[in-house]
Amino acid sequence: MGTPGHNLARPKPATRAARRAQIERAAYKLLKEKGYGGTSMLGIAKEVKASNETLYRWYGDKKGLFKTMVENNARATKAALDEAIRDEADPLATLEDVAPVLLSMLLGERAISLNRAAASDEGDELGATIAAAGRDSVFPLIEKLIQRGLESSALAAPSARMAADWFLNLLIGDLQIRRAIHALSVPSDRDVHSRVVAAISASKKLCRT
């Protein structure tokens, strides 16, 4: 008789992807219920009826699992920025296209659940994981995109880093904090669009040549 999750040893790619999604949903559920410290690999494994060994084999450890979750949450934003940089697309037009994806992701339930758990975590492991796999991986791409705009004289700013920081502050402001403390509900598509329009308009004024 096999151990729970024994048939996961060599899953087909589609089955493995579906199983990973199930594992991540369970991790978010337990994170919301128990916090980061109270969420364990064993608890997640039991939730999805998998073996603890499977989770460790796929993710390494709990930090690896949550790093993957943060990366997956930011995947669409990073993919859009990577494509724009590769195709040498117009920086401001690209930011206008990417901003709704980025803002919706940052204010979505998954990102907010992660941030709420990080705020209540006595250690700094989850917060550091969110920073490394989230903002620290997206910010350099925005900076690189703006740098190209500066080099082509399409934009003007003291530095690409400063301009990227301006843009993110204009776009996000205190919205994520307000979501995390339950002072703001999930924004509608119209709310996101209005915020993006305002942020892009202000960025153009700040970075005009």
C-alpha atoms as a PDB file:
ATOM      1  CA  MET A   1       0.000   0.000   0.000  1.00  0.00           C
ATOM      2  CA  GLY A   2       1.555   3.319  -1.067  1.00  0.00           C
ATOM      3  CA  THR A   3       1.993   6.411   1.012  1.00  0.00           C
ATOM      4  CA  PRO A   4      -0.391   9.378   0.499  1.00  0.00           C
ATOM      5  CA  GLY A   5       0.504  11.107  -2.727  1.00  0.00           C
ATOM      6  CA  HIS A   6       2.542   8.093  -3.878  1.00  0.00           C
ATOM      7  CA  ASN A   7       1.197   8.467  -7.423  1.00  0.00           C
ATOM      8  CA  LEU A   8       2.704  11.955  -7.557  1.00  0.00           C
ATOM      9  CA  ALA A   9       6.224  10.572  -7.901  1.00  0.00           C
ATOM     10  CA  ARG A  10       6.303  10.886 -11.686  1.00  0.00           C
ATOM     11  CA  PRO A  11       3.297  12.988 -12.738  1.00  0.00           C
ATOM     12  CA  LYS A  12       2.666  14.077 -16.286  1.00  0.00           C
ATOM     13  CA  PRO A  13       3.460  17.786 -16.912  1.00  0.00           C
ATOM     14  CA  ALA A  14      -0.212  18.843 -17.023  1.00  0.00           C
ATOM     15  CA  THR A  15      -1.010  16.824 -13.921  1.00  0.00           C
ATOM     16  CA  ARG A  16       2.014  18.237 -12.100  1.00  0.00           C
ATOM     17  CA  ALA A  17       1.000  21.825 -12.958  1.00  0.00           C
ATOM     18  CA  ALA A  18      -2.528  21.203 -11.686  1.00  0.00           C
ATOM     19  CA  ARG A  19      -1.153  19.604  -8.534  1.00  0.00           C
ATOM     20  CA  ARG A  20       1.181  22.539  -7.925  1.00  0.00           C
ATOM     21  CA  ALA A  21      -1.762  24.920  -8.281  1.00  0.00           C
ATOM     22  CA  GLN A  22      -3.692  22.837  -5.749  1.00  0.00           C
ATOM     23  CA  ILE A  23      -0.764  22.918  -3.330  1.00  0.00           C
ATOM     24  CA  GLU A  24      -0.453  26.690  -3.651  1.00  0.00           C
ATOM     25  CA  ARG A  25      -4.186  27.185  -3.054  1.00  0.00           C
ATOM     26  CA  ALA A  26      -3.892  25.095   0.098  1.00  0.00           C
ATOM     27  CA  ALA A  27      -0.872  27.124   1.220  1.00  0.00           C
ATOM     28  CA  TYR A  28      -2.809  30.389   0.781  1.00  0.00           C
ATOM     29  CA  LYS A  29      -5.731  28.912   2.719  1.00  0.00           C
ATOM     30  CA  LEU A  30      -3.564  27.850   5.651  1.00  0.00           C
ATOM     31  CA  LEU A  31      -1.632  31.115   5.510  1.00  0.00           C
ATOM     32  CA  LYS A  32      -4.872  33.034   5.988  1.00  0.00           C
ATOM     33  CA  GLU A  33      -6.014  30.741   8.807  1.00  0.00           C
ATOM     34  CA  LYS A  34      -2.768  30.161  10.694  1.00  0.00           C
ATOM     35  CA  GLY A  35      -0.280  32.800   9.564  1.00  0.00           C
ATOM     36  CA  TYR A  36       3.168  32.068   8.164  1.00  0.00           C
ATOM     37  CA  GLY A  37       4.581  30.637  11.384  1.00  0.00           C
ATOM     38  CA  GLY A  38       1.642  28.285  11.813  1.00  0.00           C
ATOM     39  CA  THR A  39       1.720  27.050   8.229  1.00  0.00           C
ATOM     40  CA  SER A  40       3.929  24.001   7.745  1.00  0.00           C
ATOM     41  CA  MET A  41       4.862  21.835   4.816  1.00  0.00           C
ATOM     42  CA  LEU A  42       3.284  18.885   6.623  1.00  0.00           C
ATOM     43  CA  GLY A  43       0.059  20.820   7.141  1.00  0.00           C
ATOM     44  CA  ILE A  44      -0.096  21.744   3.463  1.00  0.00           C
ATOM     45  CA  ALA A  45       0.678  18.154   2.463  1.00  0.00           C
ATOM     46  CA  LYS A  46      -2.190  16.878   4.629  1.00  0.00           C
ATOM     47  CA  GLU A  47      -4.536  19.516   3.190  1.00  0.00           C
ATOM     48  CA  VAL A  48      -3.966  18.258  -0.368  1.00  0.00           C
ATOM     49  CA  LYS A  49      -3.441  14.590   0.602  1.00  0.00           C
ATOM     50  CA  ALA A  50       0.110  14.540  -0.727  1.00  0.00           C
ATOM     51  CA  SER A  51       3.252  13.187   0.866  1.00  0.00           C
ATOM     52  CA  ASN A  52       5.431  15.608   2.788  1.00  0.00           C
ATOM     53  CA  GLU A  53       8.374  14.244   0.789  1.00  0.00           C
ATOM     54  CA  THR A  54       6.721  15.362  -2.461  1.00  0.00           C
ATOM     55  CA  LEU A  55       6.463  18.956  -1.288  1.00  0.00           C
ATOM     56  CA  TYR A  56      10.070  19.018  -0.162  1.00  0.00           C
ATOM     57  CA  ARG A  57      11.197  17.449  -3.438  1.00  0.00           C
ATOM     58  CA  TRP A  58       9.291  20.017  -5.519  1.00  0.00           C
ATOM     59  CA  TYR A  59       9.961  23.175  -3.486  1.00  0.00           C
ATOM     60  CA  GLY A  60      12.974  22.440  -1.279  1.00  0.00           C
ATOM     61  CA  ASP A  61      11.390  23.839   1.897  1.00  0.00           C
ATOM     62  CA  LYS A  62       8.646  26.196   3.073  1.00  0.00           C
ATOM     63  CA  LYS A  63      10.633  29.256   2.027  1.00  0.00           C
ATOM     64  CA  GLY A  64      11.035  27.748  -1.441  1.00  0.00           C
ATOM     65  CA  LEU A  65       7.300  27.096  -1.695  1.00  0.00           C
ATOM     66  CA  PHE A  66       6.349  30.648  -0.755  1.00  0.00           C
ATOM     67  CA  LYS A  67       9.044  32.064  -3.031  1.00  0.00           C
ATOM     68  CA  THR A  68       7.428  30.135  -5.886  1.00  0.00           C
ATOM     69  CA  MET A  69       4.015  31.472  -4.886  1.00  0.00           C
ATOM     70  CA  VAL A  70       5.239  35.083  -4.927  1.00  0.00           C
ATOM     71  CA  GLU A  71       6.995  34.540  -8.267  1.00  0.00           C
ATOM     72  CA  ASN A  72       3.872  33.006  -9.795  1.00  0.00           C
ATOM     73  CA  ASN A  73       1.806  35.946  -8.561  1.00  0.00           C
ATOM     74  CA  ALA A  74       4.175  38.391 -10.291  1.00  0.00           C
ATOM     75  CA  ARG A  75       4.653  36.257 -13.424  1.00  0.00           C
ATOM     76  CA  ALA A  76       2.306  38.172 -15.756  1.00  0.00           C
ATOM     77  CA  THR A  77       3.865  41.534 -14.888  1.00  0.00           C
ATOM     78  CA  LYS A  78       7.415  40.265 -15.357  1.00  0.00           C
ATOM     79  CA  ALA A  79       6.539  38.548 -18.640  1.00  0.00           C
ATOM     80  CA  ALA A  80       5.047  41.764 -20.053  1.00  0.00           C
ATOM     81  CA  LEU A  81       8.076  43.809 -18.993  1.00  0.00           C
ATOM     82  CA  ASP A  82      10.530  41.218 -20.336  1.00  0.00           C
ATOM     83  CA  GLU A  83       8.749  41.198 -23.697  1.00  0.00           C
ATOM     84  CA  ALA A  84       8.732  45.009 -23.904  1.00  0.00           C
ATOM     85  CA  ILE A  85      12.441  45.211 -23.101  1.00  0.00           C
ATOM     86  CA  ARG A  86      13.241  42.508 -25.628  1.00  0.00           C
ATOM     87  CA  ASP A  87      11.137  44.150 -28.352  1.00  0.00           C
ATOM     88  CA  GLU A  88      12.390  47.666 -27.517  1.00  0.00           C
ATOM     89  CA  ALA A  89       8.829  48.916 -27.130  1.00  0.00           C
ATOM     90  CA  ASP A  90       8.015  52.505 -26.171  1.00  0.00           C
ATOM     91  CA  PRO A  91       8.713  52.845 -22.415  1.00  0.00           C
ATOM     92  CA  LEU A  92       5.682  54.928 -21.434  1.00  0.00           C
ATOM     93  CA  ALA A  93       3.317  52.945 -23.649  1.00  0.00           C
ATOM     94  CA  THR A  94       4.636  49.760 -22.065  1.00  0.00           C
ATOM     95  CA  LEU A  95       4.206  51.108 -18.537  1.00  0.00           C
ATOM     96  CA  GLU A  96       0.654  52.082 -19.432  1.00  0.00           C
ATOM     97  CA  ASP A  97      -0.019  48.510 -20.605  1.00  0.00           C
ATOM     98  CA  VAL A  98       1.733  46.813 -17.694  1.00  0.00           C
ATOM     99  CA  ALA A  99       0.522  49.083 -14.890  1.00  0.00           C
ATOM    100  CA  PRO A 100      -3.033  47.622 -14.678  1.00  0.00           C
ATOM    101  CA  VAL A 101      -1.612  44.086 -14.436  1.00  0.00           C
ATOM    102  CA  LEU A 102       0.894  45.147 -11.780  1.00  0.00           C
ATOM    103  CA  LEU A 103      -1.613  47.121  -9.706  1.00  0.00           C
ATOM    104  CA  SER A 104      -4.297  44.435  -9.864  1.00  0.00           C
ATOM    105  CA  MET A 105      -1.746  41.843  -8.787  1.00  0.00           C
ATOM    106  CA  LEU A 106      -0.445  43.933  -5.872  1.00  0.00           C
ATOM    107  CA  LEU A 107      -3.946  44.674  -4.594  1.00  0.00           C
ATOM    108  CA  GLY A 108      -5.310  41.178  -5.242  1.00  0.00           C
ATOM    109  CA  GLU A 109      -6.219  38.709  -2.512  1.00  0.00           C
ATOM    110  CA  ARG A 110      -3.100  36.587  -2.886  1.00  0.00           C
ATOM    111  CA  ALA A 111      -0.600  39.442  -2.585  1.00  0.00           C
ATOM    112  CA  ILE A 112      -2.546  40.954   0.293  1.00  0.00           C
ATOM    113  CA  SER A 113      -2.720  37.601   2.116  1.00  0.00           C
ATOM    114  CA  LEU A 114       1.049  37.289   1.802  1.00  0.00           C
ATOM    115  CA  ASN A 115       1.632  40.834   3.065  1.00  0.00           C
ATOM    116  CA  ARG A 116      -0.754  40.451   5.996  1.00  0.00           C
ATOM    117  CA  ALA A 117       1.001  37.260   7.013  1.00  0.00           C
ATOM    118  CA  ALA A 118       4.425  38.903   6.654  1.00  0.00           C
ATOM    119  CA  ALA A 119       3.330  41.809   8.863  1.00  0.00           C
ATOM    120  CA  SER A 120       2.344  39.422  11.659  1.00  0.00           C
ATOM    121  CA  ASP A 121       5.339  37.106  11.226  1.00  0.00           C
ATOM    122  CA  GLU A 122       7.761  37.458  14.142  1.00  0.00           C
ATOM    123  CA  GLY A 123      10.646  36.570  11.883  1.00  0.00           C
ATOM    124  CA  ASP A 124      11.576  38.281   8.640  1.00  0.00           C
ATOM    125  CA  GLU A 125      11.594  35.221   6.379  1.00  0.00           C
ATOM    126  CA  LEU A 126       8.296  35.790   4.576  1.00  0.00           C
ATOM    127  CA  GLY A 127       8.844  39.537   4.225  1.00  0.00           C
ATOM    128  CA  ALA A 128      12.290  38.948   2.749  1.00  0.00           C
ATOM    129  CA  THR A 129      10.872  36.314   0.396  1.00  0.00           C
ATOM    130  CA  ILE A 130       8.134  38.679  -0.810  1.00  0.00           C
ATOM    131  CA  ALA A 131      10.667  41.450  -1.408  1.00  0.00           C
ATOM    132  CA  ALA A 132      13.135  39.222  -3.244  1.00  0.00           C
ATOM    133  CA  ALA A 133      10.659  37.416  -5.479  1.00  0.00           C
ATOM    134  CA  GLY A 134       8.299  40.372  -5.921  1.00  0.00           C
ATOM    135  CA  ARG A 135       9.388  44.005  -5.923  1.00  0.00           C
ATOM    136  CA  ASP A 136      13.126  43.297  -6.163  1.00  0.00           C
ATOM    137  CA  SER A 137      12.556  41.324  -9.363  1.00  0.00           C
ATOM    138  CA  VAL A 138      10.008  43.693 -10.954  1.00  0.00           C
ATOM    139  CA  PHE A 139      11.631  47.043 -10.078  1.00  0.00           C
ATOM    140  CA  PRO A 140      14.868  46.408 -12.044  1.00  0.00           C
ATOM    141  CA  LEU A 141      12.801  45.630 -15.161  1.00  0.00           C
ATOM    142  CA  ILE A 142      10.898  48.917 -14.855  1.00  0.00           C
ATOM    143  CA  GLU A 143      14.198  50.691 -14.240  1.00  0.00           C
ATOM    144  CA  LYS A 144      15.724  49.067 -17.313  1.00  0.00           C
ATOM    145  CA  LEU A 145      12.739  50.080 -19.429  1.00  0.00           C
ATOM    146  CA  ILE A 146      12.967  53.692 -18.256  1.00  0.00           C
ATOM    147  CA  GLN A 147      16.731  53.710 -18.791  1.00  0.00           C
ATOM    148  CA  ARG A 148      16.141  53.018 -22.458  1.00  0.00           C
ATOM    149  CA  GLY A 149      13.752  55.959 -22.554  1.00  0.00           C
ATOM    150  CA  LEU A 150      16.420  58.184 -21.027  1.00  0.00           C
ATOM    151  CA  GLU A 151      19.036  56.995 -23.509  1.00  0.00           C
ATOM    152  CA  SER A 152      16.757  57.758 -26.458  1.00  0.00           C
ATOM    153  CA  SER A 153      15.807  61.133 -24.920  1.00  0.00           C
ATOM    154  CA  ALA A 154      12.148  60.072 -24.909  1.00  0.00           C
ATOM    155  CA  LEU A 155      12.230  60.627 -21.139  1.00  0.00           C
ATOM    156  CA  ALA A 156      14.150  62.944 -18.836  1.00  0.00           C
ATOM    157  CA  ALA A 157      14.935  62.290 -15.179  1.00  0.00           C
ATOM    158  CA  PRO A 158      17.901  62.458 -12.775  1.00  0.00           C
ATOM    159  CA  SER A 159      18.203  58.671 -13.061  1.00  0.00           C
ATOM    160  CA  ALA A 160      16.241  55.650 -14.209  1.00  0.00           C
ATOM    161  CA  ARG A 161      16.077  54.408 -10.625  1.00  0.00           C
ATOM    162  CA  MET A 162      14.526  57.654  -9.422  1.00  0.00           C
ATOM    163  CA  ALA A 163      12.035  57.740 -12.283  1.00  0.00           C
ATOM    164  CA  ALA A 164      11.040  54.115 -11.621  1.00  0.00           C
ATOM    165  CA  ASP A 165      10.559  54.954  -7.952  1.00  0.00           C
ATOM    166  CA  TRP A 166       8.408  57.978  -8.882  1.00  0.00           C
ATOM    167  CA  PHE A 167       6.251  55.824 -11.122  1.00  0.00           C
ATOM    168  CA  LEU A 168       5.675  53.065  -8.556  1.00  0.00           C
ATOM    169  CA  ASN A 169       4.903  55.577  -5.799  1.00  0.00           C
ATOM    170  CA  LEU A 170       2.396  57.335  -8.044  1.00  0.00           C
ATOM    171  CA  LEU A 171       0.822  54.042  -9.065  1.00  0.00           C
ATOM    172  CA  ILE A 172       0.671  52.240  -5.723  1.00  0.00           C
ATOM    173  CA  GLY A 173       0.933  54.938  -3.057  1.00  0.00           C
ATOM    174  CA  ASP A 174      -0.616  53.659   0.173  1.00  0.00           C
ATOM    175  CA  LEU A 175      -3.177  51.433  -1.557  1.00  0.00           C
ATOM    176  CA  GLN A 176      -1.497  48.146  -0.650  1.00  0.00           C
ATOM    177  CA  ILE A 177      -1.123  49.167   2.990  1.00  0.00           C
ATOM    178  CA  ARG A 178      -4.778  50.184   3.123  1.00  0.00           C
ATOM    179  CA  ARG A 179      -5.767  46.837   1.624  1.00  0.00           C
ATOM    180  CA  ALA A 180      -3.605  44.997   4.142  1.00  0.00           C
ATOM    181  CA  ILE A 181      -5.244  46.723   7.123  1.00  0.00           C
ATOM    182  CA  HIS A 182      -8.761  46.137   5.727  1.00  0.00           C
ATOM    183  CA  ALA A 183      -9.282  49.852   5.047  1.00  0.00           C
ATOM    184  CA  LEU A 184      -9.787  49.306   1.321  1.00  0.00           C
ATOM    185  CA  SER A 185     -11.677  46.661  -0.631  1.00  0.00           C
ATOM    186  CA  VAL A 186     -10.497  45.030  -3.840  1.00  0.00           C
ATOM    187  CA  PRO A 187     -10.527  47.822  -6.453  1.00  0.00           C
ATOM    188  CA  SER A 188     -12.756  47.528  -9.481  1.00  0.00           C
ATOM    189  CA  ASP A 189     -11.376  47.529 -13.014  1.00  0.00           C
ATOM    190  CA  ARG A 190     -12.575  51.127 -13.300  1.00  0.00           C
ATOM    191  CA  ASP A 191     -10.689  52.086 -10.127  1.00  0.00           C
ATOM    192  CA  VAL A 192      -7.523  50.440 -11.430  1.00  0.00           C
ATOM    193  CA  HIS A 193      -7.882  52.183 -14.800  1.00  0.00           C
ATOM    194  CA  SER A 194      -8.354  55.595 -13.158  1.00  0.00           C
ATOM    195  CA  ARG A 195      -5.302  55.087 -10.958  1.00  0.00           C
ATOM    196  CA  VAL A 196      -3.175  54.022 -13.929  1.00  0.00           C
ATOM    197  CA  VAL A 197      -4.258  57.009 -16.022  1.00  0.00           C
ATOM    198  CA  ALA A 198      -3.404  59.392 -13.190  1.00  0.00           C
ATOM    199  CA  ALA A 199      -0.014  57.733 -12.540  1.00  0.00           C
ATOM    200  CA  ILE A 200       0.981  57.754 -16.206  1.00  0.00           C
ATOM    201  CA  SER A 201      -0.132  61.378 -16.625  1.00  0.00           C
ATOM    202  CA  ALA A 202       1.918  62.477 -13.605  1.00  0.00           C
ATOM    203  CA  SER A 203       4.921  60.412 -14.748  1.00  0.00           C
ATOM    204  CA  LYS A 204       4.837  62.083 -18.162  1.00  0.00           C
ATOM    205  CA  LYS A 205       4.904  65.498 -16.499  1.00  0.00           C
ATOM    206  CA  LEU A 206       7.758  64.511 -14.215  1.00  0.00           C
ATOM    207  CA  CYS A 207       9.813  62.859 -16.972  1.00  0.00           C
ATOM    208  CA  ARG A 208       9.035  65.031 -19.969  1.00  0.00           C
ATOM    209  CA  THR A 209      11.955  66.203 -22.073  1.00  0.00           C
END
